[in-house]
C-alpha atoms as a PDB file:
ATOM      1  CA  MET A   1      38.509 159.254 143.228  1.00  0.00           C
ATOM      2  CA  THR A   2      35.862 160.892 141.015  1.00  0.00           C
ATOM      3  CA  LYS A   3      36.080 159.894 137.376  1.00  0.00           C
ATOM      4  CA  PRO A   4      36.131 162.658 134.738  1.00  0.00           C
ATOM      5  CA  LYS A   5      32.903 163.267 132.871  1.00  0.00           C
ATOM      6  CA  ARG A   6      34.395 164.260 129.509  1.00  0.00           C
ATOM      7  CA  VAL A   7      37.767 163.034 128.260  1.00  0.00           C
ATOM      8  CA  ALA A   8      39.885 164.188 125.321  1.00  0.00           C
ATOM      9  CA  VAL A   9      42.646 161.992 123.893  1.00  0.00           C
ATOM     10  CA  ALA A  10      45.328 163.993 122.112  1.00  0.00           C
ATOM     11  CA  SER A  11      47.482 160.976 121.254  1.00  0.00           C
ATOM     12  CA  ARG A  12      47.121 159.739 117.701  1.00  0.00           C
ATOM     13  CA  SER A  13      48.238 156.157 118.383  1.00  0.00           C
ATOM     14  CA  PHE A  14      45.864 155.788 121.337  1.00  0.00           C
ATOM     15  CA  SER A  15      43.010 157.253 119.285  1.00  0.00           C
ATOM     16  CA  ARG A  16      43.411 154.740 116.472  1.00  0.00           C
ATOM     17  CA  HIS A  17      43.830 151.694 118.732  1.00  0.00           C
ATOM     18  CA  PRO A  18      40.502 149.783 118.721  1.00  0.00           C
ATOM     19  CA  VAL A  19      41.051 148.005 122.050  1.00  0.00           C
ATOM     20  CA  LEU A  20      42.089 151.167 123.891  1.00  0.00           C
ATOM     21  CA  ARG A  21      39.185 153.102 122.394  1.00  0.00           C
ATOM     22  CA  ALA A  22      36.710 150.487 123.557  1.00  0.00           C
ATOM     23  CA  GLU A  23      38.183 150.254 127.045  1.00  0.00           C
ATOM     24  CA  LEU A  24      38.249 154.027 127.514  1.00  0.00           C
ATOM     25  CA  LEU A  25      34.651 154.362 126.305  1.00  0.00           C
ATOM     26  CA  ALA A  26      33.637 151.693 128.819  1.00  0.00           C
ATOM     27  CA  PHE A  27      35.339 153.784 131.508  1.00  0.00           C
ATOM     28  CA  CYS A  28      33.922 157.117 130.318  1.00  0.00           C
ATOM     29  CA  PRO A  29      31.300 157.192 127.531  1.00  0.00           C
ATOM     30  CA  ASP A  30      31.953 160.842 126.578  1.00  0.00           C
ATOM     31  CA  VAL A  31      35.329 160.852 124.801  1.00  0.00           C
ATOM     32  CA  THR A  32      36.785 163.026 122.066  1.00  0.00           C
ATOM     33  CA  PHE A  33      39.462 161.146 120.138  1.00  0.00           C
ATOM     34  CA  ASN A  34      42.073 162.624 117.829  1.00  0.00           C
ATOM     35  CA  ASP A  35      40.474 161.011 114.800  1.00  0.00           C
ATOM     36  CA  ALA A  36      42.040 163.528 112.435  1.00  0.00           C
ATOM     37  CA  GLY A  37      45.372 161.877 113.156  1.00  0.00           C
ATOM     38  CA  VAL A  38      47.257 165.165 113.296  1.00  0.00           C
ATOM     39  CA  SER A  39      49.978 166.235 115.700  1.00  0.00           C
ATOM     40  CA  LEU A  40      48.402 168.792 118.022  1.00  0.00           C
ATOM     41  CA  SER A  41      50.222 171.753 119.539  1.00  0.00           C
ATOM     42  CA  GLY A  42      49.692 175.371 120.519  1.00  0.00           C
ATOM     43  CA  ALA A  43      46.282 176.842 119.708  1.00  0.00           C
ATOM     44  CA  ALA A  44      45.091 173.678 117.957  1.00  0.00           C
ATOM     45  CA  LEU A  45      45.847 171.581 121.029  1.00  0.00           C
ATOM     46  CA  ALA A  46      44.114 174.060 123.335  1.00  0.00           C
ATOM     47  CA  GLU A  47      41.032 174.123 121.145  1.00  0.00           C
ATOM     48  CA  PHE A  48      40.915 170.312 121.018  1.00  0.00           C
ATOM     49  CA  LEU A  49      41.155 169.950 124.815  1.00  0.00           C
ATOM     50  CA  LYS A  50      38.759 172.750 125.810  1.00  0.00           C
ATOM     51  CA  GLY A  51      35.608 171.758 127.638  1.00  0.00           C
ATOM     52  CA  HIS A  52      37.010 168.466 128.945  1.00  0.00           C
ATOM     53  CA  ASP A  53      37.705 167.766 132.609  1.00  0.00           C
ATOM     54  CA  GLY A  54      39.992 164.831 131.786  1.00  0.00           C
ATOM     55  CA  VAL A  55      42.681 164.536 129.097  1.00  0.00           C
ATOM     56  CA  ILE A  56      45.182 161.939 127.941  1.00  0.00           C
ATOM     57  CA  THR A  57      48.362 163.295 126.363  1.00  0.00           C
ATOM     58  CA  ALA A  58      51.491 161.669 124.955  1.00  0.00           C
ATOM     59  CA  LEU A  59      54.266 163.849 123.496  1.00  0.00           C
ATOM     60  CA  GLU A  60      52.225 167.055 123.555  1.00  0.00           C
ATOM     61  CA  THR A  61      53.699 169.957 125.552  1.00  0.00           C
ATOM     62  CA  VAL A  62      51.597 170.771 128.607  1.00  0.00           C
ATOM     63  CA  ASP A  63      52.696 174.105 130.044  1.00  0.00           C
ATOM     64  CA  GLU A  64      51.363 177.277 131.673  1.00  0.00           C
ATOM     65  CA  ALA A  65      50.225 178.755 128.353  1.00  0.00           C
ATOM     66  CA  LEU A  66      48.147 175.686 127.511  1.00  0.00           C
ATOM     67  CA  LEU A  67      46.689 175.097 130.964  1.00  0.00           C
ATOM     68  CA  ALA A  68      45.618 178.743 131.263  1.00  0.00           C
ATOM     69  CA  GLN A  69      43.191 178.034 128.417  1.00  0.00           C
ATOM     70  CA  LEU A  70      41.689 174.929 130.043  1.00  0.00           C
ATOM     71  CA  PRO A  71      39.701 176.088 133.093  1.00  0.00           C
ATOM     72  CA  ASP A  72      37.616 172.887 133.156  1.00  0.00           C
ATOM     73  CA  LEU A  73      40.587 170.520 133.373  1.00  0.00           C
ATOM     74  CA  LYS A  74      40.706 168.450 136.565  1.00  0.00           C
ATOM     75  CA  VAL A  75      42.916 165.483 135.643  1.00  0.00           C
ATOM     76  CA  LEU A  76      45.658 164.847 133.095  1.00  0.00           C
ATOM     77  CA  SER A  77      46.841 161.300 132.454  1.00  0.00           C
ATOM     78  CA  LYS A  78      50.054 160.449 130.621  1.00  0.00           C
ATOM     79  CA  TYR A  79      50.159 157.951 127.770  1.00  0.00           C
ATOM     80  CA  GLY A  80      53.777 156.822 127.892  1.00  0.00           C
ATOM     81  CA  VAL A  81      56.383 156.990 130.628  1.00  0.00           C
ATOM     82  CA  GLY A  82      58.234 160.244 129.914  1.00  0.00           C
ATOM     83  CA  PHE A  83      56.805 163.335 131.559  1.00  0.00           C
ATOM     84  CA  ASP A  84      59.457 165.931 130.735  1.00  0.00           C
ATOM     85  CA  MET A  85      56.933 167.652 128.446  1.00  0.00           C
ATOM     86  CA  VAL A  86      54.520 168.233 131.354  1.00  0.00           C
ATOM     87  CA  ASP A  87      55.022 171.172 133.723  1.00  0.00           C
ATOM     88  CA  LEU A  88      54.302 169.459 137.023  1.00  0.00           C
ATOM     89  CA  GLU A  89      54.644 172.646 139.058  1.00  0.00           C
ATOM     90  CA  VAL A  90      51.859 174.301 137.094  1.00  0.00           C
ATOM     91  CA  LEU A  91      49.654 171.229 137.503  1.00  0.00           C
ATOM     92  CA  LYS A  92      50.200 171.333 141.249  1.00  0.00           C
ATOM     93  CA  ARG A  93      49.550 175.064 141.460  1.00  0.00           C
ATOM     94  CA  ARG A  94      46.311 174.751 139.498  1.00  0.00           C
ATOM     95  CA  GLY A  95      45.141 171.715 141.455  1.00  0.00           C
ATOM     96  CA  ILE A  96      45.171 169.421 138.411  1.00  0.00           C
ATOM     97  CA  ARG A  97      45.716 165.780 139.262  1.00  0.00           C
ATOM     98  CA  PHE A  98      48.307 163.814 137.267  1.00  0.00           C
ATOM     99  CA  GLY A  99      48.058 160.164 136.243  1.00  0.00           C
ATOM    100  CA  TRP A 100      51.348 158.422 135.491  1.00  0.00           C
ATOM    101  CA  THR A 101      52.780 154.916 135.747  1.00  0.00           C
ATOM    102  CA  GLY A 102      56.485 154.299 135.294  1.00  0.00           C
ATOM    103  CA  GLY A 103      58.078 151.362 133.543  1.00  0.00           C
ATOM    104  CA  VAL A 104      55.120 150.092 131.525  1.00  0.00           C
ATOM    105  CA  ASN A 105      57.149 150.053 128.284  1.00  0.00           C
ATOM    106  CA  LYS A 106      60.481 148.970 129.774  1.00  0.00           C
ATOM    107  CA  ARG A 107      60.723 145.586 128.039  1.00  0.00           C
ATOM    108  CA  SER A 108      59.922 147.128 124.668  1.00  0.00           C
ATOM    109  CA  VAL A 109      62.775 149.634 125.050  1.00  0.00           C
ATOM    110  CA  SER A 110      65.200 147.067 126.475  1.00  0.00           C
ATOM    111  CA  GLU A 111      64.691 144.710 123.551  1.00  0.00           C
ATOM    112  CA  LEU A 112      65.269 147.527 121.059  1.00  0.00           C
ATOM    113  CA  VAL A 113      68.520 148.444 122.814  1.00  0.00           C
ATOM    114  CA  ILE A 114      69.789 144.877 122.617  1.00  0.00           C
ATOM    115  CA  SER A 115      68.837 144.604 118.949  1.00  0.00           C
ATOM    116  CA  ALA A 116      70.612 147.895 118.217  1.00  0.00           C
ATOM    117  CA  ALA A 117      73.728 146.803 120.086  1.00  0.00           C
ATOM    118  CA  ILE A 118      73.946 143.550 118.145  1.00  0.00           C
ATOM    119  CA  ALA A 119      73.241 145.318 114.841  1.00  0.00           C
ATOM    120  CA  LEU A 120      76.062 147.796 115.385  1.00  0.00           C
ATOM    121  CA  LEU A 121      78.536 145.224 116.688  1.00  0.00           C
ATOM    122  CA  ARG A 122      77.868 143.057 113.620  1.00  0.00           C
ATOM    123  CA  HIS A 123      77.916 146.061 111.221  1.00  0.00           C
ATOM    124  CA  VAL A 124      74.364 145.395 110.036  1.00  0.00           C
ATOM    125  CA  PRO A 125      73.676 148.999 108.851  1.00  0.00           C
ATOM    126  CA  ARG A 126      76.884 149.081 106.827  1.00  0.00           C
ATOM    127  CA  GLY A 127      76.384 145.579 105.396  1.00  0.00           C
ATOM    128  CA  TYR A 128      72.804 146.312 104.391  1.00  0.00           C
ATOM    129  CA  ARG A 129      73.805 149.496 102.576  1.00  0.00           C
ATOM    130  CA  GLU A 130      76.629 147.720 100.751  1.00  0.00           C
ATOM    131  CA  VAL A 131      74.297 144.948  99.576  1.00  0.00           C
ATOM    132  CA  LEU A 132      71.816 147.533  98.291  1.00  0.00           C
ATOM    133  CA  ASP A 133      74.678 149.092  96.326  1.00  0.00           C
ATOM    134  CA  GLY A 134      75.478 145.738  94.698  1.00  0.00           C
ATOM    135  CA  GLY A 135      78.184 144.568  97.060  1.00  0.00           C
ATOM    136  CA  TRP A 136      78.485 141.201  98.741  1.00  0.00           C
ATOM    137  CA  LYS A 137      81.427 141.176 101.126  1.00  0.00           C
ATOM    138  CA  GLN A 138      81.492 139.479 104.486  1.00  0.00           C
ATOM    139  CA  ILE A 139      82.200 141.904 107.310  1.00  0.00           C
ATOM    140  CA  GLN A 140      83.723 140.673 110.529  1.00  0.00           C
ATOM    141  CA  GLY A 141      82.008 142.004 113.611  1.00  0.00           C
ATOM    142  CA  ARG A 142      81.939 141.439 117.354  1.00  0.00           C
ATOM    143  CA  GLN A 143      79.580 139.601 119.682  1.00  0.00           C
ATOM    144  CA  LEU A 144      77.572 141.161 122.467  1.00  0.00           C
ATOM    145  CA  THR A 145      78.494 138.278 124.758  1.00  0.00           C
ATOM    146  CA  GLY A 146      81.105 139.238 127.325  1.00  0.00           C
ATOM    147  CA  ARG A 147      81.176 142.935 126.520  1.00  0.00           C
ATOM    148  CA  THR A 148      81.299 145.672 129.143  1.00  0.00           C
ATOM    149  CA  VAL A 149      78.056 147.644 129.040  1.00  0.00           C
ATOM    150  CA  GLY A 150      77.623 150.994 130.759  1.00  0.00           C
ATOM    151  CA  ILE A 151      74.035 151.841 131.694  1.00  0.00           C
ATOM    152  CA  VAL A 152      73.550 155.570 132.234  1.00  0.00           C
ATOM    153  CA  GLY A 153      70.360 155.841 134.265  1.00  0.00           C
ATOM    154  CA  CYS A 154      69.296 152.727 136.136  1.00  0.00           C
ATOM    155  CA  GLY A 155      65.577 153.315 136.553  1.00  0.00           C
ATOM    156  CA  HIS A 156      62.834 151.094 135.172  1.00  0.00           C
ATOM    157  CA  VAL A 157      64.409 150.535 131.738  1.00  0.00           C
ATOM    158  CA  GLY A 158      67.989 150.446 132.988  1.00  0.00           C
ATOM    159  CA  LYS A 159      67.183 147.726 135.512  1.00  0.00           C
ATOM    160  CA  ASP A 160      65.207 145.685 132.987  1.00  0.00           C
ATOM    161  CA  LEU A 161      68.032 145.945 130.455  1.00  0.00           C
ATOM    162  CA  ALA A 162      70.546 144.816 133.075  1.00  0.00           C
ATOM    163  CA  LEU A 163      68.534 141.655 133.709  1.00  0.00           C
ATOM    164  CA  LEU A 164      68.424 140.811 129.997  1.00  0.00           C
ATOM    165  CA  LEU A 165      72.143 141.458 129.528  1.00  0.00           C
ATOM    166  CA  LYS A 166      73.000 138.890 132.182  1.00  0.00           C
ATOM    167  CA  ALA A 167      72.056 136.223 129.628  1.00  0.00           C
ATOM    168  CA  PHE A 168      74.910 137.538 127.466  1.00  0.00           C
ATOM    169  CA  ASP A 169      77.431 137.383 130.339  1.00  0.00           C
ATOM    170  CA  CYS A 170      78.040 141.101 130.017  1.00  0.00           C
ATOM    171  CA  ARG A 171      80.009 143.030 132.620  1.00  0.00           C
ATOM    172  CA  LEU A 172      77.672 145.770 133.792  1.00  0.00           C
ATOM    173  CA  LEU A 173      78.547 149.282 134.928  1.00  0.00           C
ATOM    174  CA  ALA A 174      75.846 151.691 136.092  1.00  0.00           C
ATOM    175  CA  TYR A 175      75.678 155.410 136.727  1.00  0.00           C
ATOM    176  CA  ASP A 176      72.707 157.056 138.403  1.00  0.00           C
ATOM    177  CA  ILE A 177      72.200 159.972 140.754  1.00  0.00           C
ATOM    178  CA  LEU A 178      70.139 157.602 142.931  1.00  0.00           C
ATOM    179  CA  ASP A 179      71.609 154.731 144.923  1.00  0.00           C
ATOM    180  CA  PHE A 180      70.340 151.290 143.925  1.00  0.00           C
ATOM    181  CA  ALA A 181      72.894 149.422 146.038  1.00  0.00           C
ATOM    182  CA  ASP A 182      70.680 146.408 146.750  1.00  0.00           C
ATOM    183  CA  PHE A 183      69.841 145.902 143.066  1.00  0.00           C
ATOM    184  CA  TYR A 184      73.489 146.322 142.066  1.00  0.00           C
ATOM    185  CA  ALA A 185      74.663 143.825 144.668  1.00  0.00           C
ATOM    186  CA  GLU A 186      72.015 141.265 143.751  1.00  0.00           C
ATOM    187  CA  HIS A 187      72.877 141.353 140.052  1.00  0.00           C
ATOM    188  CA  GLY A 188      76.630 141.929 140.104  1.00  0.00           C
ATOM    189  CA  ILE A 189      76.506 145.477 138.759  1.00  0.00           C
ATOM    190  CA  GLU A 190      79.325 147.906 139.482  1.00  0.00           C
ATOM    191  CA  ALA A 191      78.237 151.444 140.368  1.00  0.00           C
ATOM    192  CA  VAL A 192      80.690 154.003 138.960  1.00  0.00           C
ATOM    193  CA  GLY A 193      80.895 157.690 138.120  1.00  0.00           C
ATOM    194  CA  LEU A 194      79.955 158.858 134.638  1.00  0.00           C
ATOM    195  CA  ASP A 195      83.547 159.560 133.590  1.00  0.00           C
ATOM    196  CA  GLU A 196      84.698 156.086 134.598  1.00  0.00           C
ATOM    197  CA  LEU A 197      81.747 154.465 132.858  1.00  0.00           C
ATOM    198  CA  LEU A 198      82.456 156.291 129.608  1.00  0.00           C
ATOM    199  CA  SER A 199      86.140 155.354 129.651  1.00  0.00           C
ATOM    200  CA  ARG A 200      85.587 151.660 130.411  1.00  0.00           C
ATOM    201  CA  ALA A 201      82.404 150.602 128.620  1.00  0.00           C
ATOM    202  CA  GLY A 202      82.389 149.116 125.144  1.00  0.00           C
ATOM    203  CA  ILE A 203      78.676 149.885 124.915  1.00  0.00           C
ATOM    204  CA  VAL A 204      77.153 152.975 126.503  1.00  0.00           C
ATOM    205  CA  THR A 205      73.357 153.135 126.635  1.00  0.00           C
ATOM    206  CA  LEU A 206      71.325 156.092 127.899  1.00  0.00           C
ATOM    207  CA  HIS A 207      68.171 155.750 129.978  1.00  0.00           C
ATOM    208  CA  LEU A 208      67.589 159.184 131.457  1.00  0.00           C
ATOM    209  CA  PRO A 209      64.740 161.674 131.514  1.00  0.00           C
ATOM    210  CA  MET A 210      65.281 164.999 129.782  1.00  0.00           C
ATOM    211  CA  ASP A 211      65.570 167.945 132.164  1.00  0.00           C
ATOM    212  CA  ALA A 212      67.962 170.745 133.060  1.00  0.00           C
ATOM    213  CA  SER A 213      70.333 168.334 134.803  1.00  0.00           C
ATOM    214  CA  THR A 214      70.566 165.868 131.902  1.00  0.00           C
ATOM    215  CA  ALA A 215      70.444 168.132 128.828  1.00  0.00           C
ATOM    216  CA  ASN A 216      73.605 167.571 126.773  1.00  0.00           C
ATOM    217  CA  ILE A 217      74.930 165.218 129.458  1.00  0.00           C
ATOM    218  CA  LEU A 218      77.068 163.642 126.748  1.00  0.00           C
ATOM    219  CA  SER A 219      78.748 166.828 125.608  1.00  0.00           C
ATOM    220  CA  ALA A 220      81.695 166.874 123.219  1.00  0.00           C
ATOM    221  CA  GLU A 221      83.996 166.695 126.235  1.00  0.00           C
ATOM    222  CA  LYS A 222      82.203 163.665 127.681  1.00  0.00           C
ATOM    223  CA  LEU A 223      81.972 161.889 124.319  1.00  0.00           C
ATOM    224  CA  ALA A 224      85.737 162.271 123.935  1.00  0.00           C
ATOM    225  CA  GLN A 225      86.198 160.091 127.021  1.00  0.00           C
ATOM    226  CA  MET A 226      84.645 157.077 125.280  1.00  0.00           C
ATOM    227  CA  ARG A 227      86.742 154.295 123.805  1.00  0.00           C
ATOM    228  CA  SER A 228      87.301 154.464 120.057  1.00  0.00           C
ATOM    229  CA  ASP A 229      85.886 150.933 119.680  1.00  0.00           C
ATOM    230  CA  ALA A 230      82.765 151.737 121.721  1.00  0.00           C
ATOM    231  CA  ILE A 231      79.203 152.221 120.541  1.00  0.00           C
ATOM    232  CA  LEU A 232      76.615 154.635 121.909  1.00  0.00           C
ATOM    233  CA  ILE A 233      72.885 153.916 122.139  1.00  0.00           C
ATOM    234  CA  ASN A 234      70.262 156.553 122.931  1.00  0.00           C
ATOM    235  CA  ALA A 235      66.726 155.205 123.247  1.00  0.00           C
ATOM    236  CA  ALA A 236      65.749 157.670 125.963  1.00  0.00           C
ATOM    237  CA  ARG A 237      65.332 161.310 124.969  1.00  0.00           C
ATOM    238  CA  GLY A 238      66.711 163.601 122.292  1.00  0.00           C
ATOM    239  CA  GLY A 239      68.892 166.398 123.631  1.00  0.00           C
ATOM    240  CA  LEU A 240      70.976 164.170 125.904  1.00  0.00           C
ATOM    241  CA  VAL A 241      73.799 164.001 123.338  1.00  0.00           C
ATOM    242  CA  ASP A 242      75.761 166.655 121.457  1.00  0.00           C
ATOM    243  CA  GLU A 243      74.845 165.270 118.040  1.00  0.00           C
ATOM    244  CA  ALA A 244      77.243 167.495 116.099  1.00  0.00           C
ATOM    245  CA  ALA A 245      80.170 166.274 118.204  1.00  0.00           C
ATOM    246  CA  LEU A 246      78.907 162.711 117.874  1.00  0.00           C
ATOM    247  CA  ARG A 247      78.845 162.977 114.087  1.00  0.00           C
ATOM    248  CA  THR A 248      82.432 164.250 114.030  1.00  0.00           C
ATOM    249  CA  MET A 249      83.621 161.387 116.222  1.00  0.00           C
ATOM    250  CA  LEU A 250      81.869 158.819 114.034  1.00  0.00           C
ATOM    251  CA  GLU A 251      83.267 160.370 110.848  1.00  0.00           C
ATOM    252  CA  THR A 252      86.828 160.324 112.219  1.00  0.00           C
ATOM    253  CA  ASN A 253      86.631 156.801 113.688  1.00  0.00           C
ATOM    254  CA  LYS A 254      86.947 158.049 117.252  1.00  0.00           C
ATOM    255  CA  LEU A 255      83.774 156.125 118.005  1.00  0.00           C
ATOM    256  CA  ALA A 256      82.755 152.826 116.416  1.00  0.00           C
ATOM    257  CA  GLY A 257      79.034 153.403 116.056  1.00  0.00           C
ATOM    258  CA  ALA A 258      75.826 154.921 117.357  1.00  0.00           C
ATOM    259  CA  ALA A 259      72.192 153.843 117.505  1.00  0.00           C
ATOM    260  CA  LEU A 260      69.710 156.677 117.938  1.00  0.00           C
ATOM    261  CA  ASP A 261      66.016 156.083 118.479  1.00  0.00           C
ATOM    262  CA  VAL A 262      65.560 159.684 119.636  1.00  0.00           C
ATOM    263  CA  LEU A 263      67.063 162.923 118.354  1.00  0.00           C
ATOM    264  CA  ALA A 264      67.160 166.564 119.389  1.00  0.00           C
ATOM    265  CA  VAL A 265      65.015 167.407 116.353  1.00  0.00           C
ATOM    266  CA  GLU A 266      62.409 164.902 115.204  1.00  0.00           C
ATOM    267  CA  PRO A 267      62.140 164.212 112.313  1.00  0.00           C
ATOM    268  CA  PRO A 268      65.923 164.710 111.984  1.00  0.00           C
ATOM    269  CA  THR A 269      67.442 167.400 109.802  1.00  0.00           C
ATOM    270  CA  ASP A 270      71.119 166.354 109.958  1.00  0.00           C
ATOM    271  CA  ARG A 271      71.254 164.183 106.870  1.00  0.00           C
ATOM    272  CA  ALA A 272      75.036 163.850 107.164  1.00  0.00           C
ATOM    273  CA  LEU A 273      74.624 162.027 110.474  1.00  0.00           C
ATOM    274  CA  LEU A 274      71.934 159.738 109.083  1.00  0.00           C
ATOM    275  CA  SER A 275      74.030 158.784 106.074  1.00  0.00           C
ATOM    276  CA  LEU A 276      77.009 157.467 108.045  1.00  0.00           C
ATOM    277  CA  PRO A 277      77.521 153.703 107.629  1.00  0.00           C
ATOM    278  CA  ASN A 278      78.119 153.212 111.378  1.00  0.00           C
ATOM    279  CA  VAL A 279      74.857 154.865 112.445  1.00  0.00           C
ATOM    280  CA  LEU A 280      71.493 153.207 113.002  1.00  0.00           C
ATOM    281  CA  VAL A 281      68.545 155.595 113.339  1.00  0.00           C
ATOM    282  CA  THR A 282      65.007 154.516 114.180  1.00  0.00           C
ATOM    283  CA  PRO A 283      61.945 156.812 114.379  1.00  0.00           C
ATOM    284  CA  HIS A 284      61.351 156.917 118.158  1.00  0.00           C
ATOM    285  CA  ILE A 285      59.996 153.357 118.309  1.00  0.00           C
ATOM    286  CA  GLY A 286      61.389 152.271 121.683  1.00  0.00           C
ATOM    287  CA  GLY A 287      57.978 152.048 123.298  1.00  0.00           C
ATOM    288  CA  SER A 288      56.061 151.166 120.149  1.00  0.00           C
ATOM    289  CA  SER A 289      55.663 147.421 120.420  1.00  0.00           C
ATOM    290  CA  GLU A 290      52.085 146.135 120.340  1.00  0.00           C
ATOM    291  CA  GLU A 291      52.414 144.952 123.921  1.00  0.00           C
ATOM    292  CA  ALA A 292      53.838 148.238 125.216  1.00  0.00           C
ATOM    293  CA  VAL A 293      51.231 150.377 123.458  1.00  0.00           C
ATOM    294  CA  LEU A 294      48.458 148.359 125.070  1.00  0.00           C
ATOM    295  CA  ALA A 295      50.124 148.536 128.508  1.00  0.00           C
ATOM    296  CA  MET A 296      50.707 152.291 128.227  1.00  0.00           C
ATOM    297  CA  GLY A 297      47.155 152.913 127.076  1.00  0.00           C
ATOM    298  CA  ARG A 298      45.636 150.910 129.912  1.00  0.00           C
ATOM    299  CA  ALA A 299      47.878 152.709 132.394  1.00  0.00           C
ATOM    300  CA  ALA A 300      46.659 156.038 130.999  1.00  0.00           C
ATOM    301  CA  ILE A 301      43.023 154.968 131.450  1.00  0.00           C
ATOM    302  CA  GLU A 302      43.730 153.836 134.993  1.00  0.00           C
ATOM    303  CA  GLY A 303      45.554 157.105 135.577  1.00  0.00           C
ATOM    304  CA  LEU A 304      42.360 159.068 135.001  1.00  0.00           C
ATOM    305  CA  ALA A 305      40.976 157.472 138.172  1.00  0.00           C
ATOM    306  CA  SER A 306      44.119 157.057 140.276  1.00  0.00           C
ATOM    307  CA  ALA A 307      45.698 160.452 139.484  1.00  0.00           C
ATOM    308  CA  ARG A 308      46.929 162.655 142.299  1.00  0.00           C
ATOM    309  CA  LEU A 309      48.597 166.006 142.672  1.00  0.00           C
ATOM    310  CA  PRO A 310      52.315 166.069 141.892  1.00  0.00           C
ATOM    311  CA  ASP A 311      54.473 166.627 144.961  1.00  0.00           C
ATOM    312  CA  ASP A 312      58.167 166.802 145.843  1.00  0.00           C
ATOM    313  CA  GLY A 313      58.587 163.042 145.744  1.00  0.00           C
ATOM    314  CA  TRP A 314      56.205 162.049 142.954  1.00  0.00           C
ATOM    315  CA  PRO A 315      56.300 161.380 140.132  1.00  0.00           C
ATOM    316  CA  GLY A 316      59.928 160.421 139.793  1.00  0.00           C
END
């Protein structure tokens, strides 16, 4: 596959990473990095990308309006695993190849999920806030070991998380629109419907892409099916959960806790949700370990060469 001649990197974290910069420059000497360190969108993003036949994007929206302004673009490579912000149909129609590798940050996300689960079960957010306020009272929590965990979305991250949870002797439930029967059988995972998972699991963790079929998948009605002693973890995409309904359930003790690494609006504006003692919010750091950043960056560089046109079965 022909390598691009000029590459633009919209991602701020890629642009400031010395190893990734050096490796991309070795691959293609003519690179424009986002050295200003600003979040690019709309006209500013279009202006930054113009004149390049290859681009690397992260969370930037790539749609018809943007691509119409980039007649030189031949290949777009994704830094990170989510591609819900990229209009694949437009790429295909315009003949723009797409570079993407799934699962390169799965361990980073899985470890964050486990840390969040333990923190909520042991009331770490509440205890920390009480100590800051001058308190010093032991709070009795619960262990992760032996709990029933419901994994909603058993793709790259869901599978990796399931393997790690086996060390905690957790009972695993999984819901996915795809059938992973062999993986489930090998690792003792019970495939169930979403309603059953929500009603049985003590921990519910989301690992879904964001699209029309998954938006608000945990609506107020679905959240109401969860156990009152359960905790919810979303380290996937904002918009999967009705956050207003979630806040009400947490305030009224109809849900024990929630860990949110992603939110519908980032940075968040619902300060009432953030202030709850049974909520742990992190600033979209699931894939932000040193190891994952390096793996995602190298996959994006490789994607510039291995990219192909999106089709009905790929990516996915």
